[in-house]
Structures are given as structure tokens and as C-alpha cells.
Amino acid sequence: MGILLTADTSATGAAAGGGIIMIVYIVLIFAFIYFFMIRPQKKEQKKMAAMLSALEIGDCVLTNSGFYGIVIDITEDTVIVEFGNNKNCRIPMQKTAIAQVEKADNE
């Protein structure tokens, strides 16, 4: 009878130890996902928001579609961009369509 109780106790202890290891693995997986996926994306979003908030009239911009233009007017969520030397080629677009901003030289 004593042998059966000893064997049963060791099986319960092994199961509890395995559960703790599984919890540690799950925590490590979530930490990995946070530090290598979520955190860099949030950092990039903050950088993009700072770039768009510093946007001014006269800045040269590169759009997501690959066109270079100059900002003519800025509203809350849209900008009017002039492309090329043609003064009639002014296109309104969302601020989120801007990929890069080059500040105008004040010389």
C-alpha cells in the first residue's frame, strides 16, 4: 500500500512541475512577441506621427506611390501636393500617404 501512495505522489509532483514550465514558456513567447513585433511597430508609428506633425508648407515630400512633390496647403488630415513644374498638377491626398519629408532650405 505504501508503494502505491509513493508512486501517486511523485506523478502529481511531476505534473505540477510541467505546468510551471509551460507557464514559463508561454510568458517567454509573449515577451518575444512584444519586444520583436509590437514595440518596434509602436516606435515606427510614433516616428511617423512626429514627421507628419512637423510637416510645413514648402516641404518636399515623397509619397507612398513614389512621387516627389511640394506641399502647397495643409489641413487637419489632408495635404495638397504640387507635382513637377506644372502649376496645374495639384493633388489633395491624405497625410498618411506621405512616406518621407525633406525640409525646405531657408537660405
PDB file of N, CA and C in Angstrom:
ATOM      1  N   MET A   1       0.805  -1.172   0.000  1.00  0.00           N
ATOM      2  CA  MET A   1       0.000   0.000   0.000  1.00  0.00           C
ATOM      3  C   MET A   1       0.865   1.260   0.000  1.00  0.00           C
ATOM      4  N   GLY A   2       1.941   1.230   0.732  1.00  0.00           N
ATOM      5  CA  GLY A   2       2.847   2.369   0.799  1.00  0.00           C
ATOM      6  C   GLY A   2       3.500   2.660  -0.540  1.00  0.00           C
ATOM      7  N   ILE A   3       3.758   1.649  -1.330  1.00  0.00           N
ATOM      8  CA  ILE A   3       4.376   1.830  -2.648  1.00  0.00           C
ATOM      9  C   ILE A   3       3.425   2.562  -3.588  1.00  0.00           C
ATOM     10  N   LEU A   4       2.171   2.248  -3.536  1.00  0.00           N
ATOM     11  CA  LEU A   4       1.192   2.901  -4.394  1.00  0.00           C
ATOM     12  C   LEU A   4       1.054   4.382  -4.050  1.00  0.00           C
ATOM     13  N   LEU A   5       1.074   4.725  -2.782  1.00  0.00           N
ATOM     14  CA  LEU A   5       0.969   6.120  -2.385  1.00  0.00           C
ATOM     15  C   LEU A   5       2.201   6.914  -2.809  1.00  0.00           C
ATOM     16  N   THR A   6       3.363   6.323  -2.732  1.00  0.00           N
ATOM     17  CA  THR A   6       4.598   6.994  -3.131  1.00  0.00           C
ATOM     18  C   THR A   6       4.614   7.254  -4.635  1.00  0.00           C
ATOM     19  N   ALA A   7       4.189   6.301  -5.406  1.00  0.00           N
ATOM     20  CA  ALA A   7       4.172   6.457  -6.862  1.00  0.00           C
ATOM     21  C   ALA A   7       3.164   7.519  -7.271  1.00  0.00           C
ATOM     22  N   ASP A   8       2.025   7.568  -6.608  1.00  0.00           N
ATOM     23  CA  ASP A   8       0.986   8.528  -6.931  1.00  0.00           C
ATOM     24  C   ASP A   8       1.445   9.951  -6.617  1.00  0.00           C
ATOM     25  N   THR A   9       2.152  10.155  -5.518  1.00  0.00           N
ATOM     26  CA  THR A   9       2.644  11.464  -5.112  1.00  0.00           C
ATOM     27  C   THR A   9       3.687  11.983  -6.090  1.00  0.00           C
ATOM     28  N   SER A  10       4.575  11.141  -6.560  1.00  0.00           N
ATOM     29  CA  SER A  10       5.603  11.589  -7.500  1.00  0.00           C
ATOM     30  C   SER A  10       4.994  11.971  -8.850  1.00  0.00           C
ATOM     31  N   ALA A  11       3.938  11.311  -9.272  1.00  0.00           N
ATOM     32  CA  ALA A  11       3.280  11.647 -10.539  1.00  0.00           C
ATOM     33  C   ALA A  11       2.613  13.017 -10.438  1.00  0.00           C
ATOM     34  N   THR A  12       2.019  13.325  -9.298  1.00  0.00           N
ATOM     35  CA  THR A  12       1.381  14.621  -9.106  1.00  0.00           C
ATOM     36  C   THR A  12       2.419  15.735  -9.088  1.00  0.00           C
ATOM     37  N   GLY A  13       3.558  15.500  -8.463  1.00  0.00           N
ATOM     38  CA  GLY A  13       4.637  16.482  -8.427  1.00  0.00           C
ATOM     39  C   GLY A  13       5.212  16.738  -9.802  1.00  0.00           C
ATOM     40  N   ALA A  14       5.338  15.711 -10.618  1.00  0.00           N
ATOM     41  CA  ALA A  14       5.858  15.877 -11.978  1.00  0.00           C
ATOM     42  C   ALA A  14       4.886  16.680 -12.829  1.00  0.00           C
ATOM     43  N   ALA A  15       3.595  16.462 -12.648  1.00  0.00           N
ATOM     44  CA  ALA A  15       2.591  17.203 -13.407  1.00  0.00           C
ATOM     45  C   ALA A  15       2.605  18.680 -13.025  1.00  0.00           C
ATOM     46  N   ALA A  16       2.780  18.978 -11.760  1.00  0.00           N
ATOM     47  CA  ALA A  16       2.831  20.372 -11.313  1.00  0.00           C
ATOM     48  C   ALA A  16       4.082  21.061 -11.845  1.00  0.00           C
ATOM     49  N   GLY A  17       5.202  20.357 -11.853  1.00  0.00           N
ATOM     50  CA  GLY A  17       6.436  20.928 -12.396  1.00  0.00           C
ATOM     51  C   GLY A  17       6.324  21.192 -13.888  1.00  0.00           C
ATOM     52  N   GLY A  18       5.650  20.326 -14.610  1.00  0.00           N
ATOM     53  CA  GLY A  18       5.444  20.517 -16.042  1.00  0.00           C
ATOM     54  C   GLY A  18       4.545  21.699 -16.330  1.00  0.00           C
ATOM     55  N   GLY A  19       3.565  21.946 -15.462  1.00  0.00           N
ATOM     56  CA  GLY A  19       2.672  23.090 -15.623  1.00  0.00           C
ATOM     57  C   GLY A  19       3.404  24.405 -15.439  1.00  0.00           C
ATOM     58  N   ILE A  20       4.328  24.427 -14.488  1.00  0.00           N
ATOM     59  CA  ILE A  20       5.112  25.644 -14.247  1.00  0.00           C
ATOM     60  C   ILE A  20       6.012  25.923 -15.440  1.00  0.00           C
ATOM     61  N   ILE A  21       6.610  24.891 -15.983  1.00  0.00           N
ATOM     62  CA  ILE A  21       7.481  25.069 -17.152  1.00  0.00           C
ATOM     63  C   ILE A  21       6.673  25.571 -18.343  1.00  0.00           C
ATOM     64  N   MET A  22       5.460  25.061 -18.507  1.00  0.00           N
ATOM     65  CA  MET A  22       4.604  25.510 -19.610  1.00  0.00           C
ATOM     66  C   MET A  22       4.251  26.987 -19.448  1.00  0.00           C
ATOM     67  N   ILE A  23       3.966  27.418 -18.236  1.00  0.00           N
ATOM     68  CA  ILE A  23       3.656  28.826 -17.986  1.00  0.00           C
ATOM     69  C   ILE A  23       4.866  29.700 -18.290  1.00  0.00           C
ATOM     70  N   VAL A  24       6.056  29.246 -17.917  1.00  0.00           N
ATOM     71  CA  VAL A  24       7.282  29.999 -18.214  1.00  0.00           C
ATOM     72  C   VAL A  24       7.469  30.124 -19.724  1.00  0.00           C
ATOM     73  N   TYR A  25       7.230  29.055 -20.478  1.00  0.00           N
ATOM     74  CA  TYR A  25       7.349  29.102 -21.936  1.00  0.00           C
ATOM     75  C   TYR A  25       6.344  30.071 -22.551  1.00  0.00           C
ATOM     76  N   ILE A  26       5.137  30.063 -22.056  1.00  0.00           N
ATOM     77  CA  ILE A  26       4.119  30.983 -22.585  1.00  0.00           C
ATOM     78  C   ILE A  26       4.507  32.428 -22.314  1.00  0.00           C
ATOM     79  N   VAL A  27       5.003  32.710 -21.113  1.00  0.00           N
ATOM     80  CA  VAL A  27       5.450  34.070 -20.783  1.00  0.00           C
ATOM     81  C   VAL A  27       6.610  34.479 -21.692  1.00  0.00           C
ATOM     82  N   LEU A  28       7.549  33.575 -21.935  1.00  0.00           N
ATOM     83  CA  LEU A  28       8.676  33.884 -22.818  1.00  0.00           C
ATOM     84  C   LEU A  28       8.214  34.150 -24.254  1.00  0.00           C
ATOM     85  N   ILE A  29       7.245  33.409 -24.722  1.00  0.00           N
ATOM     86  CA  ILE A  29       6.730  33.622 -26.080  1.00  0.00           C
ATOM     87  C   ILE A  29       6.066  34.999 -26.182  1.00  0.00           C
ATOM     88  N   PHE A  30       5.245  35.364 -25.190  1.00  0.00           N
ATOM     89  CA  PHE A  30       4.609  36.680 -25.212  1.00  0.00           C
ATOM     90  C   PHE A  30       5.641  37.800 -25.096  1.00  0.00           C
ATOM     91  N   ALA A  31       6.687  37.609 -24.308  1.00  0.00           N
ATOM     92  CA  ALA A  31       7.753  38.616 -24.209  1.00  0.00           C
ATOM     93  C   ALA A  31       8.464  38.765 -25.549  1.00  0.00           C
ATOM     94  N   PHE A  32       8.725  37.662 -26.222  1.00  0.00           N
ATOM     95  CA  PHE A  32       9.367  37.697 -27.534  1.00  0.00           C
ATOM     96  C   PHE A  32       8.494  38.452 -28.530  1.00  0.00           C
ATOM     97  N   ILE A  33       7.217  38.155 -28.548  1.00  0.00           N
ATOM     98  CA  ILE A  33       6.301  38.832 -29.479  1.00  0.00           C
ATOM     99  C   ILE A  33       6.264  40.323 -29.181  1.00  0.00           C
ATOM    100  N   TYR A  34       6.231  40.705 -27.918  1.00  0.00           N
ATOM    101  CA  TYR A  34       6.180  42.118 -27.566  1.00  0.00           C
ATOM    102  C   TYR A  34       7.444  42.857 -28.010  1.00  0.00           C
ATOM    103  N   PHE A  35       8.611  42.316 -27.663  1.00  0.00           N
ATOM    104  CA  PHE A  35       9.854  43.037 -27.934  1.00  0.00           C
ATOM    105  C   PHE A  35      10.283  42.995 -29.394  1.00  0.00           C
ATOM    106  N   PHE A  36       9.846  42.022 -30.148  1.00  0.00           N
ATOM    107  CA  PHE A  36      10.292  41.927 -31.533  1.00  0.00           C
ATOM    108  C   PHE A  36       9.211  42.243 -32.555  1.00  0.00           C
ATOM    109  N   MET A  37       7.963  42.429 -32.129  1.00  0.00           N
ATOM    110  CA  MET A  37       6.908  42.750 -33.088  1.00  0.00           C
ATOM    111  C   MET A  37       6.115  43.995 -32.693  1.00  0.00           C
ATOM    112  N   ILE A  38       5.597  44.038 -31.498  1.00  0.00           N
ATOM    113  CA  ILE A  38       4.703  45.125 -31.103  1.00  0.00           C
ATOM    114  C   ILE A  38       5.476  46.406 -30.805  1.00  0.00           C
ATOM    115  N   ARG A  39       6.536  46.314 -30.023  1.00  0.00           N
ATOM    116  CA  ARG A  39       7.297  47.506 -29.617  1.00  0.00           C
ATOM    117  C   ARG A  39       7.922  48.244 -30.806  1.00  0.00           C
ATOM    118  N   PRO A  40       8.580  47.552 -31.759  1.00  0.00           N
ATOM    119  CA  PRO A  40       9.125  48.283 -32.909  1.00  0.00           C
ATOM    120  C   PRO A  40       8.042  48.941 -33.767  1.00  0.00           C
ATOM    121  N   GLN A  41       6.886  48.317 -33.873  1.00  0.00           N
ATOM    122  CA  GLN A  41       5.808  48.899 -34.661  1.00  0.00           C
ATOM    123  C   GLN A  41       5.296  50.176 -34.001  1.00  0.00           C
ATOM    124  N   LYS A  42       5.158  50.183 -32.689  1.00  0.00           N
ATOM    125  CA  LYS A  42       4.719  51.385 -31.987  1.00  0.00           C
ATOM    126  C   LYS A  42       5.752  52.497 -32.121  1.00  0.00           C
ATOM    127  N   LYS A  43       7.029  52.134 -32.064  1.00  0.00           N
ATOM    128  CA  LYS A  43       8.099  53.119 -32.220  1.00  0.00           C
ATOM    129  C   LYS A  43       8.045  53.751 -33.612  1.00  0.00           C
ATOM    130  N   GLU A  44       7.795  52.948 -34.629  1.00  0.00           N
ATOM    131  CA  GLU A  44       7.693  53.445 -36.006  1.00  0.00           C
ATOM    132  C   GLU A  44       6.465  54.344 -36.165  1.00  0.00           C
ATOM    133  N   GLN A  45       5.357  54.001 -35.530  1.00  0.00           N
ATOM    134  CA  GLN A  45       4.161  54.828 -35.601  1.00  0.00           C
ATOM    135  C   GLN A  45       4.389  56.185 -34.946  1.00  0.00           C
ATOM    136  N   LYS A  46       5.102  56.227 -33.828  1.00  0.00           N
ATOM    137  CA  LYS A  46       5.408  57.493 -33.167  1.00  0.00           C
ATOM    138  C   LYS A  46       6.312  58.349 -34.039  1.00  0.00           C
ATOM    139  N   LYS A  47       7.284  57.725 -34.690  1.00  0.00           N
ATOM    140  CA  LYS A  47       8.201  58.440 -35.568  1.00  0.00           C
ATOM    141  C   LYS A  47       7.443  59.046 -36.753  1.00  0.00           C
ATOM    142  N   MET A  48       6.514  58.280 -37.328  1.00  0.00           N
ATOM    143  CA  MET A  48       5.726  58.754 -38.466  1.00  0.00           C
ATOM    144  C   MET A  48       4.803  59.892 -38.042  1.00  0.00           C
ATOM    145  N   ALA A  49       4.197  59.778 -36.866  1.00  0.00           N
ATOM    146  CA  ALA A  49       3.318  60.841 -36.365  1.00  0.00           C
ATOM    147  C   ALA A  49       4.100  62.124 -36.121  1.00  0.00           C
ATOM    148  N   ALA A  50       5.310  62.011 -35.592  1.00  0.00           N
ATOM    149  CA  ALA A  50       6.144  63.193 -35.366  1.00  0.00           C
ATOM    150  C   ALA A  50       6.535  63.841 -36.689  1.00  0.00           C
ATOM    151  N   MET A  51       6.836  63.021 -37.689  1.00  0.00           N
ATOM    152  CA  MET A  51       7.204  63.546 -39.007  1.00  0.00           C
ATOM    153  C   MET A  51       6.024  64.289 -39.626  1.00  0.00           C
ATOM    154  N   LEU A  52       4.825  63.730 -39.531  1.00  0.00           N
ATOM    155  CA  LEU A  52       3.662  64.368 -40.134  1.00  0.00           C
ATOM    156  C   LEU A  52       3.225  65.607 -39.368  1.00  0.00           C
ATOM    157  N   SER A  53       3.438  65.638 -38.069  1.00  0.00           N
ATOM    158  CA  SER A  53       3.068  66.829 -37.304  1.00  0.00           C
ATOM    159  C   SER A  53       4.038  67.986 -37.571  1.00  0.00           C
ATOM    160  N   ALA A  54       5.254  67.682 -37.989  1.00  0.00           N
ATOM    161  CA  ALA A  54       6.232  68.725 -38.291  1.00  0.00           C
ATOM    162  C   ALA A  54       6.172  69.167 -39.753  1.00  0.00           C
ATOM    163  N   LEU A  55       5.212  68.650 -40.512  1.00  0.00           N
ATOM    164  CA  LEU A  55       5.069  68.976 -41.929  1.00  0.00           C
ATOM    165  C   LEU A  55       4.662  70.434 -42.092  1.00  0.00           C
ATOM    166  N   GLU A  56       5.338  71.142 -43.002  1.00  0.00           N
ATOM    167  CA  GLU A  56       5.062  72.556 -43.234  1.00  0.00           C
ATOM    168  C   GLU A  56       4.886  72.816 -44.716  1.00  0.00           C
ATOM    169  N   ILE A  57       4.289  73.940 -45.040  1.00  0.00           N
ATOM    170  CA  ILE A  57       4.120  74.335 -46.434  1.00  0.00           C
ATOM    171  C   ILE A  57       5.508  74.603 -47.024  1.00  0.00           C
ATOM    172  N   GLY A  58       5.735  74.069 -48.219  1.00  0.00           N
ATOM    173  CA  GLY A  58       7.012  74.243 -48.900  1.00  0.00           C
ATOM    174  C   GLY A  58       7.948  73.064 -48.752  1.00  0.00           C
ATOM    175  N   ASP A  59       7.605  72.111 -47.910  1.00  0.00           N
ATOM    176  CA  ASP A  59       8.438  70.915 -47.741  1.00  0.00           C
ATOM    177  C   ASP A  59       8.306  70.008 -48.948  1.00  0.00           C
ATOM    178  N   CYS A  60       9.403  69.361 -49.303  1.00  0.00           N
ATOM    179  CA  CYS A  60       9.402  68.377 -50.369  1.00  0.00           C
ATOM    180  C   CYS A  60       9.053  67.022 -49.756  1.00  0.00           C
ATOM    181  N   VAL A  61       8.086  66.324 -50.362  1.00  0.00           N
ATOM    182  CA  VAL A  61       7.633  65.056 -49.803  1.00  0.00           C
ATOM    183  C   VAL A  61       7.741  63.953 -50.851  1.00  0.00           C
ATOM    184  N   LEU A  62       7.896  62.742 -50.368  1.00  0.00           N
ATOM    185  CA  LEU A  62       7.849  61.539 -51.190  1.00  0.00           C
ATOM    186  C   LEU A  62       6.610  60.778 -50.767  1.00  0.00           C
ATOM    187  N   THR A  63       5.730  60.486 -51.741  1.00  0.00           N
ATOM    188  CA  THR A  63       4.502  59.773 -51.417  1.00  0.00           C
ATOM    189  C   THR A  63       4.747  58.272 -51.432  1.00  0.00           C
ATOM    190  N   ASN A  64       3.793  57.512 -50.913  1.00  0.00           N
ATOM    191  CA  ASN A  64       3.900  56.054 -50.916  1.00  0.00           C
ATOM    192  C   ASN A  64       3.922  55.495 -52.332  1.00  0.00           C
ATOM    193  N   SER A  65       3.351  56.224 -53.280  1.00  0.00           N
ATOM    194  CA  SER A  65       3.342  55.759 -54.669  1.00  0.00           C
ATOM    195  C   SER A  65       4.634  56.102 -55.404  1.00  0.00           C
ATOM    196  N   GLY A  66       5.533  56.844 -54.769  1.00  0.00           N
ATOM    197  CA  GLY A  66       6.844  57.116 -55.352  1.00  0.00           C
ATOM    198  C   GLY A  66       6.971  58.467 -56.026  1.00  0.00           C
ATOM    199  N   PHE A  67       6.002  59.345 -55.875  1.00  0.00           N
ATOM    200  CA  PHE A  67       6.061  60.668 -56.494  1.00  0.00           C
ATOM    201  C   PHE A  67       6.644  61.686 -55.528  1.00  0.00           C
ATOM    202  N   TYR A  68       7.507  62.557 -56.067  1.00  0.00           N
ATOM    203  CA  TYR A  68       8.035  63.671 -55.291  1.00  0.00           C
ATOM    204  C   TYR A  68       7.186  64.899 -55.578  1.00  0.00           C
ATOM    205  N   GLY A  69       6.921  65.683 -54.542  1.00  0.00           N
ATOM    206  CA  GLY A  69       6.134  66.891 -54.724  1.00  0.00           C
ATOM    207  C   GLY A  69       6.411  67.874 -53.609  1.00  0.00           C
ATOM    208  N   ILE A  70       5.803  69.051 -53.743  1.00  0.00           N
ATOM    209  CA  ILE A  70       5.977  70.112 -52.761  1.00  0.00           C
ATOM    210  C   ILE A  70       4.626  70.402 -52.132  1.00  0.00           C
ATOM    211  N   VAL A  71       4.596  70.523 -50.821  1.00  0.00           N
ATOM    212  CA  VAL A  71       3.355  70.769 -50.090  1.00  0.00           C
ATOM    213  C   VAL A  71       2.915  72.210 -50.329  1.00  0.00           C
ATOM    214  N   ILE A  72       1.666  72.369 -50.771  1.00  0.00           N
ATOM    215  CA  ILE A  72       1.104  73.688 -51.041  1.00  0.00           C
ATOM    216  C   ILE A  72       0.165  74.132 -49.923  1.00  0.00           C
ATOM    217  N   ASP A  73      -0.632  73.200 -49.401  1.00  0.00           N
ATOM    218  CA  ASP A  73      -1.595  73.533 -48.355  1.00  0.00           C
ATOM    219  C   ASP A  73      -1.755  72.339 -47.420  1.00  0.00           C
ATOM    220  N   ILE A  74      -2.013  72.618 -46.162  1.00  0.00           N
ATOM    221  CA  ILE A  74      -2.172  71.564 -45.156  1.00  0.00           C
ATOM    222  C   ILE A  74      -3.481  71.808 -44.409  1.00  0.00           C
ATOM    223  N   THR A  75      -4.297  70.759 -44.300  1.00  0.00           N
ATOM    224  CA  THR A  75      -5.474  70.802 -43.437  1.00  0.00           C
ATOM    225  C   THR A  75      -5.282  69.751 -42.345  1.00  0.00           C
ATOM    226  N   GLU A  76      -6.345  69.433 -41.640  1.00  0.00           N
ATOM    227  CA  GLU A  76      -6.217  68.525 -40.498  1.00  0.00           C
ATOM    228  C   GLU A  76      -5.700  67.145 -40.896  1.00  0.00           C
ATOM    229  N   ASP A  77      -6.291  66.531 -41.899  1.00  0.00           N
ATOM    230  CA  ASP A  77      -5.872  65.180 -42.285  1.00  0.00           C
ATOM    231  C   ASP A  77      -5.496  65.052 -43.753  1.00  0.00           C
ATOM    232  N   THR A  78      -5.518  66.142 -44.497  1.00  0.00           N
ATOM    233  CA  THR A  78      -5.132  66.100 -45.913  1.00  0.00           C
ATOM    234  C   THR A  78      -4.098  67.175 -46.215  1.00  0.00           C
ATOM    235  N   VAL A  79      -3.378  66.970 -47.302  1.00  0.00           N
ATOM    236  CA  VAL A  79      -2.422  67.955 -47.810  1.00  0.00           C
ATOM    237  C   VAL A  79      -2.651  68.096 -49.308  1.00  0.00           C
ATOM    238  N   ILE A  80      -2.327  69.255 -49.845  1.00  0.00           N
ATOM    239  CA  ILE A  80      -2.355  69.450 -51.288  1.00  0.00           C
ATOM    240  C   ILE A  80      -0.905  69.511 -51.735  1.00  0.00           C
ATOM    241  N   VAL A  81      -0.559  68.614 -52.657  1.00  0.00           N
ATOM    242  CA  VAL A  81       0.823  68.476 -53.111  1.00  0.00           C
ATOM    243  C   VAL A  81       0.895  68.848 -54.579  1.00  0.00           C
ATOM    244  N   GLU A  82       1.901  69.655 -54.932  1.00  0.00           N
ATOM    245  CA  GLU A  82       2.132  70.061 -56.316  1.00  0.00           C
ATOM    246  C   GLU A  82       3.250  69.201 -56.885  1.00  0.00           C
ATOM    247  N   PHE A  83       2.979  68.561 -58.006  1.00  0.00           N
ATOM    248  CA  PHE A  83       3.951  67.664 -58.628  1.00  0.00           C
ATOM    249  C   PHE A  83       4.538  68.310 -59.867  1.00  0.00           C
ATOM    250  N   GLY A  84       5.860  68.278 -59.990  1.00  0.00           N
ATOM    251  CA  GLY A  84       6.544  68.785 -61.176  1.00  0.00           C
ATOM    252  C   GLY A  84       6.487  70.295 -61.279  1.00  0.00           C
ATOM    253  N   ASN A  85       6.818  70.794 -62.461  1.00  0.00           N
ATOM    254  CA  ASN A  85       6.834  72.234 -62.705  1.00  0.00           C
ATOM    255  C   ASN A  85       5.478  72.760 -63.131  1.00  0.00           C
ATOM    256  N   ASN A  86       4.548  71.866 -63.448  1.00  0.00           N
ATOM    257  CA  ASN A  86       3.227  72.261 -63.886  1.00  0.00           C
ATOM    258  C   ASN A  86       2.423  72.740 -62.684  1.00  0.00           C
ATOM    259  N   LYS A  87       2.050  74.007 -62.686  1.00  0.00           N
ATOM    260  CA  LYS A  87       1.319  74.573 -61.546  1.00  0.00           C
ATOM    261  C   LYS A  87      -0.114  74.058 -61.481  1.00  0.00           C
ATOM    262  N   ASN A  88      -0.593  73.395 -62.539  1.00  0.00           N
ATOM    263  CA  ASN A  88      -1.952  72.868 -62.539  1.00  0.00           C
ATOM    264  C   ASN A  88      -2.029  71.455 -61.985  1.00  0.00           C
ATOM    265  N   CYS A  89      -0.911  70.857 -61.657  1.00  0.00           N
ATOM    266  CA  CYS A  89      -0.898  69.483 -61.161  1.00  0.00           C
ATOM    267  C   CYS A  89      -0.810  69.494 -59.638  1.00  0.00           C
ATOM    268  N   ARG A  90      -1.926  69.849 -59.031  1.00  0.00           N
ATOM    269  CA  ARG A  90      -2.014  69.880 -57.568  1.00  0.00           C
ATOM    270  C   ARG A  90      -3.031  68.834 -57.149  1.00  0.00           C
ATOM    271  N   ILE A  91      -2.600  67.924 -56.294  1.00  0.00           N
ATOM    272  CA  ILE A  91      -3.448  66.804 -55.919  1.00  0.00           C
ATOM    273  C   ILE A  91      -3.623  66.778 -54.411  1.00  0.00           C
ATOM    274  N   PRO A  92      -4.880  66.758 -53.946  1.00  0.00           N
ATOM    275  CA  PRO A  92      -5.090  66.567 -52.494  1.00  0.00           C
ATOM    276  C   PRO A  92      -4.923  65.091 -52.136  1.00  0.00           C
ATOM    277  N   MET A  93      -4.277  64.836 -51.033  1.00  0.00           N
ATOM    278  CA  MET A  93      -4.078  63.459 -50.573  1.00  0.00           C
ATOM    279  C   MET A  93      -4.046  63.429 -49.051  1.00  0.00           C
ATOM    280  N   GLN A  94      -4.220  62.246 -48.509  1.00  0.00           N
ATOM    281  CA  GLN A  94      -4.165  62.090 -47.059  1.00  0.00           C
ATOM    282  C   GLN A  94      -2.727  62.214 -46.572  1.00  0.00           C
ATOM    283  N   LYS A  95      -2.589  62.678 -45.337  1.00  0.00           N
ATOM    284  CA  LYS A  95      -1.248  62.793 -44.751  1.00  0.00           C
ATOM    285  C   LYS A  95      -0.576  61.433 -44.618  1.00  0.00           C
ATOM    286  N   THR A  96      -1.375  60.392 -44.425  1.00  0.00           N
ATOM    287  CA  THR A  96      -0.804  59.055 -44.254  1.00  0.00           C
ATOM    288  C   THR A  96      -0.193  58.517 -45.536  1.00  0.00           C
ATOM    289  N   ALA A  97      -0.431  59.173 -46.678  1.00  0.00           N
ATOM    290  CA  ALA A  97       0.151  58.742 -47.951  1.00  0.00           C
ATOM    291  C   ALA A  97       1.564  59.275 -48.140  1.00  0.00           C
ATOM    292  N   ILE A  98       2.071  60.012 -47.170  1.00  0.00           N
ATOM    293  CA  ILE A  98       3.418  60.578 -47.260  1.00  0.00           C
ATOM    294  C   ILE A  98       4.403  59.623 -46.590  1.00  0.00           C
ATOM    295  N   ALA A  99       5.459  59.273 -47.330  1.00  0.00           N
ATOM    296  CA  ALA A  99       6.450  58.336 -46.819  1.00  0.00           C
ATOM    297  C   ALA A  99       7.655  59.049 -46.210  1.00  0.00           C
ATOM    298  N   GLN A 100       8.104  60.141 -46.837  1.00  0.00           N
ATOM    299  CA  GLN A 100       9.271  60.880 -46.347  1.00  0.00           C
ATOM    300  C   GLN A 100       9.035  62.370 -46.503  1.00  0.00           C
ATOM    301  N   VAL A 101       9.720  63.143 -45.681  1.00  0.00           N
ATOM    302  CA  VAL A 101       9.641  64.590 -45.744  1.00  0.00           C
ATOM    303  C   VAL A 101      11.047  65.150 -45.740  1.00  0.00           C
ATOM    304  N   GLU A 102      11.316  66.055 -46.699  1.00  0.00           N
ATOM    305  CA  GLU A 102      12.577  66.801 -46.721  1.00  0.00           C
ATOM    306  C   GLU A 102      12.241  68.238 -46.471  1.00  0.00           C
ATOM    307  N   LYS A 103      12.822  68.821 -45.448  1.00  0.00           N
ATOM    308  CA  LYS A 103      12.523  70.198 -45.089  1.00  0.00           C
ATOM    309  C   LYS A 103      13.047  71.153 -46.160  1.00  0.00           C
ATOM    310  N   ALA A 104      12.301  72.240 -46.358  1.00  0.00           N
ATOM    311  CA  ALA A 104      12.700  73.256 -47.318  1.00  0.00           C
ATOM    312  C   ALA A 104      13.901  74.022 -46.752  1.00  0.00           C
ATOM    313  N   ASP A 105      14.852  74.351 -47.614  1.00  0.00           N
ATOM    314  CA  ASP A 105      16.020  75.115 -47.183  1.00  0.00           C
ATOM    315  C   ASP A 105      15.644  76.583 -47.049  1.00  0.00           C
ATOM    316  N   ASN A 106      15.976  77.160 -45.917  1.00  0.00           N
ATOM    317  CA  ASN A 106      15.683  78.578 -45.660  1.00  0.00           C
ATOM    318  C   ASN A 106      16.980  79.366 -45.815  1.00  0.00           C
ATOM    319  N   GLU A 107      17.384  79.554 -47.056  1.00  0.00           N
ATOM    320  CA  GLU A 107      18.647  80.279 -47.312  1.00  0.00           C
ATOM    321  C   GLU A 107      18.378  81.684 -47.732  1.00  0.00           C
TER     322      GLU A 107
END
